[in-house]
Amino acid sequence: MISEPEAAATRLLAGPSVIKEGDVFTILDAGGGTCDALTYVVTQGLPLRLSRQAVHHSGDSCGSNALNDAFRQLLRTLLAGHDYLSQDGVTLEGYIFKLAVHDFEHLIKAGWVVSEHSKDYSLEVIGLKFDAGDPNQAENPRLRQPNQLTIRSEHLNEIYTKVCEKVSAIMEQQLHAAAQSGLKV
């Protein structure tokens, strides 16, 4: 039995390669719950053999689930004060779950690109009296669009940037640790 990062390294290096004995490489394993960076030394070219981790791995709880958690928190903030949505067995948390697990996961998450040119997303929330994601609608009844929730691009950019900064820090820590150990990655 091998760990996920070891499996990733084996798969990555299984094909034709210019990797040779003595080479050092770092793998970033960004999974659902965690993100880990590991550095290996190639101890044999063909068949490929890797050393155990050349330096202690770097990691944190900033995998894909961190995006989901931050999106759920954004929804809780946007829908705070809309308790009237909880009726007939449907709860506000149920709406949040549906928006996060279905809409975010399938419509937004994988294709989102952090950019100042990114567009806002509009999600359907049946029963919502006005678009809680549009600050103008709460104050001006003429602008109200029921059953819609705008997720502003700057909020999504912030979510992705925070998680990606953590991922970047993990890789930087690993590369620094390798350099401190005299390894050239």
Protein backbone atom coordinates (compact mmCIF):
# COMPACT_ATOMS: atom_id res chain seq x y z
CA MET A 1 0.00 0.00 0.00
CA ILE A 2 1.32 3.47 -0.90
CA SER A 3 0.15 6.97 -0.09
CA GLU A 4 -1.72 9.19 -2.55
CA PRO A 5 1.32 11.39 -3.24
CA GLU A 6 3.48 8.31 -3.86
CA ALA A 7 0.83 6.98 -6.26
CA ALA A 8 0.79 10.35 -8.01
CA ALA A 9 4.58 10.29 -8.33
CA THR A 10 4.53 6.75 -9.69
CA ARG A 11 1.81 7.60 -12.22
CA LEU A 12 3.53 10.80 -13.26
CA LEU A 13 6.79 9.04 -13.86
CA ALA A 14 5.36 5.83 -15.37
CA GLY A 15 5.51 7.02 -18.96
CA PRO A 16 8.49 7.86 -21.12
CA SER A 17 10.62 10.24 -19.14
CA VAL A 18 13.92 12.01 -18.94
CA ILE A 19 14.01 11.42 -15.19
CA LYS A 20 17.23 9.78 -14.08
CA GLU A 21 18.90 8.62 -10.91
CA GLY A 22 19.72 11.52 -8.59
CA ASP A 23 16.98 13.81 -9.90
CA VAL A 24 14.89 15.61 -7.28
CA PHE A 25 11.26 16.62 -7.79
CA THR A 26 8.38 17.96 -5.75
CA ILE A 27 4.76 16.90 -6.12
CA LEU A 28 1.83 19.02 -5.00
CA ASP A 29 -1.09 16.75 -4.11
CA ALA A 30 -4.16 18.98 -3.91
CA GLY A 31 -7.02 16.74 -2.87
CA GLY A 32 -10.43 17.26 -1.36
CA GLY A 33 -9.52 17.86 2.26
CA THR A 34 -5.84 18.61 2.24
CA CYS A 35 -3.03 19.84 0.08
CA ASP A 36 0.40 18.29 0.53
CA ALA A 37 3.78 18.93 -1.06
CA LEU A 38 6.39 16.18 -1.02
CA THR A 39 9.92 16.06 -2.37
CA TYR A 40 11.50 12.84 -3.63
CA VAL A 41 14.92 11.80 -4.89
CA VAL A 42 15.09 9.30 -7.75
CA THR A 43 17.30 6.45 -6.48
CA GLN A 44 17.07 4.34 -9.63
CA GLY A 45 16.09 5.23 -13.20
CA LEU A 46 14.66 2.05 -14.75
CA PRO A 47 12.79 0.54 -13.16
CA LEU A 48 12.02 3.77 -11.40
CA ARG A 49 12.68 3.87 -7.67
CA LEU A 50 12.13 6.83 -5.37
CA SER A 51 13.56 7.56 -1.97
CA ARG A 52 11.17 8.12 0.86
CA GLN A 53 10.45 11.78 1.30
CA ALA A 54 13.69 13.68 0.96
CA VAL A 55 12.47 16.33 3.42
CA HIS A 56 9.49 16.47 5.75
CA HIS A 57 6.33 17.12 3.77
CA SER A 58 4.42 20.40 3.89
CA GLY A 59 0.64 20.39 4.11
CA ASP A 60 -2.53 22.09 5.28
CA SER A 61 -6.31 21.76 5.18
CA CYS A 62 -6.73 23.78 2.02
CA GLY A 63 -7.91 21.25 -0.50
CA SER A 64 -10.99 21.55 -2.64
CA ASN A 65 -13.26 21.34 0.40
CA ALA A 66 -11.85 24.66 1.65
CA LEU A 67 -13.45 26.32 -1.39
CA ASN A 68 -16.79 24.66 -0.53
CA ASP A 69 -16.57 25.74 3.11
CA ALA A 70 -15.77 29.35 2.19
CA PHE A 71 -18.61 29.41 -0.35
CA ARG A 72 -21.05 28.07 2.27
CA GLN A 73 -19.91 30.81 4.65
CA LEU A 74 -20.47 33.44 1.94
CA LEU A 75 -23.99 32.08 1.43
CA ARG A 76 -24.70 32.23 5.17
CA THR A 77 -23.62 35.87 5.16
CA LEU A 78 -25.68 36.76 2.08
CA LEU A 79 -28.79 34.95 3.28
CA ALA A 80 -28.63 36.13 6.90
CA GLY A 81 -31.94 37.78 7.71
CA HIS A 82 -33.86 35.75 5.13
CA ASP A 83 -35.24 33.30 7.70
CA TYR A 84 -38.63 33.42 5.95
CA LEU A 85 -37.11 30.93 3.48
CA SER A 86 -37.33 28.29 6.22
CA GLN A 87 -40.83 26.92 5.81
CA ASP A 88 -42.70 23.75 4.90
CA GLY A 89 -39.80 21.57 6.02
CA VAL A 90 -37.22 23.48 3.97
CA THR A 91 -34.51 25.20 5.99
CA LEU A 92 -32.14 28.02 5.22
CA GLU A 93 -29.30 25.55 5.75
CA GLY A 94 -30.97 23.27 3.19
CA TYR A 95 -30.88 26.07 0.62
CA ILE A 96 -27.24 26.72 1.45
CA PHE A 97 -26.43 23.03 1.09
CA LYS A 98 -28.13 22.85 -2.33
CA LEU A 99 -26.42 26.02 -3.56
CA ALA A 100 -23.00 24.87 -2.34
CA VAL A 101 -23.11 21.20 -3.21
CA HIS A 102 -25.02 21.37 -6.48
CA ASP A 103 -24.75 24.85 -7.95
CA PHE A 104 -21.24 25.81 -6.82
CA GLU A 105 -19.77 22.34 -7.31
CA HIS A 106 -21.24 21.77 -10.77
CA LEU A 107 -21.66 25.24 -12.26
CA ILE A 108 -18.91 27.43 -10.85
CA LYS A 109 -16.09 25.70 -9.01
CA ALA A 110 -14.01 23.89 -11.63
CA GLY A 111 -14.25 26.58 -14.27
CA TRP A 112 -13.70 29.67 -12.13
CA VAL A 113 -10.78 31.87 -13.16
CA VAL A 114 -9.67 34.59 -10.76
CA SER A 115 -9.72 37.78 -12.80
CA GLU A 116 -10.88 41.36 -12.53
CA HIS A 117 -12.91 40.58 -15.67
CA SER A 118 -14.79 37.63 -14.15
CA LYS A 119 -18.55 37.92 -14.28
CA ASP A 120 -21.01 37.63 -11.42
CA TYR A 121 -23.08 34.43 -11.12
CA SER A 122 -26.83 34.40 -10.60
CA LEU A 123 -28.24 31.41 -8.75
CA GLU A 124 -31.90 30.50 -8.30
CA VAL A 125 -33.30 30.59 -4.76
CA ILE A 126 -37.05 29.98 -4.92
CA GLY A 127 -38.83 32.19 -2.41
CA LEU A 128 -36.07 34.77 -2.01
CA LYS A 129 -37.84 38.15 -1.93
CA PHE A 130 -34.95 40.09 -3.42
CA ASP A 131 -31.42 39.45 -4.60
CA ALA A 132 -29.41 39.47 -1.38
CA GLY A 133 -26.19 39.52 -3.40
CA ASP A 134 -27.07 42.90 -4.94
CA PRO A 135 -26.71 45.61 -2.27
CA ASN A 136 -28.97 47.99 -4.22
CA GLN A 137 -32.01 45.73 -4.10
CA ALA A 138 -32.50 45.74 -0.34
CA GLU A 139 -32.88 49.52 -0.34
CA ASN A 140 -34.81 50.00 -3.57
CA PRO A 141 -37.96 47.88 -4.08
CA ARG A 142 -38.17 48.87 -7.77
CA LEU A 143 -34.88 47.08 -8.47
CA ARG A 144 -35.83 43.87 -6.69
CA GLN A 145 -35.52 40.60 -8.54
CA PRO A 146 -37.07 37.77 -6.55
CA ASN A 147 -35.81 34.19 -6.60
CA GLN A 148 -32.27 35.21 -7.62
CA LEU A 149 -29.06 35.40 -5.66
CA THR A 150 -26.10 37.14 -7.26
CA ILE A 151 -22.71 35.82 -6.29
CA ARG A 152 -20.38 38.71 -7.01
CA SER A 153 -17.17 37.88 -8.83
CA GLU A 154 -15.09 39.76 -6.27
CA HIS A 155 -16.41 37.43 -3.54
CA LEU A 156 -15.50 34.35 -5.58
CA ASN A 157 -12.10 35.83 -6.44
CA GLU A 158 -11.46 36.41 -2.73
CA ILE A 159 -12.41 32.82 -1.85
CA TYR A 160 -10.15 31.34 -4.52
CA THR A 161 -7.28 33.73 -3.79
CA LYS A 162 -7.24 32.85 -0.08
CA VAL A 163 -7.19 29.11 -0.76
CA CYS A 164 -4.62 29.42 -3.56
CA GLU A 165 -2.35 31.54 -1.34
CA LYS A 166 -2.35 28.72 1.22
CA VAL A 167 -1.52 26.20 -1.52
CA SER A 168 1.28 28.43 -2.77
CA ALA A 169 2.68 28.74 0.75
CA ILE A 170 2.76 24.94 1.06
CA MET A 171 4.78 24.62 -2.14
CA GLU A 172 7.12 27.45 -1.09
CA GLN A 173 7.67 25.78 2.32
CA GLN A 174 8.52 22.50 0.62
CA LEU A 175 10.91 24.08 -1.88
CA HIS A 176 12.57 26.05 0.94
CA ALA A 177 12.96 22.89 3.04
CA ALA A 178 14.51 21.09 0.07
CA ALA A 179 16.94 23.97 -0.53
CA GLN A 180 17.86 24.02 3.18
CA SER A 181 18.68 20.31 2.87
CA GLY A 182 20.98 20.99 -0.06
CA LEU A 183 18.61 19.57 -2.67
CA LYS A 184 18.09 21.23 -6.05
CA VAL A 185 14.52 20.67 -7.18
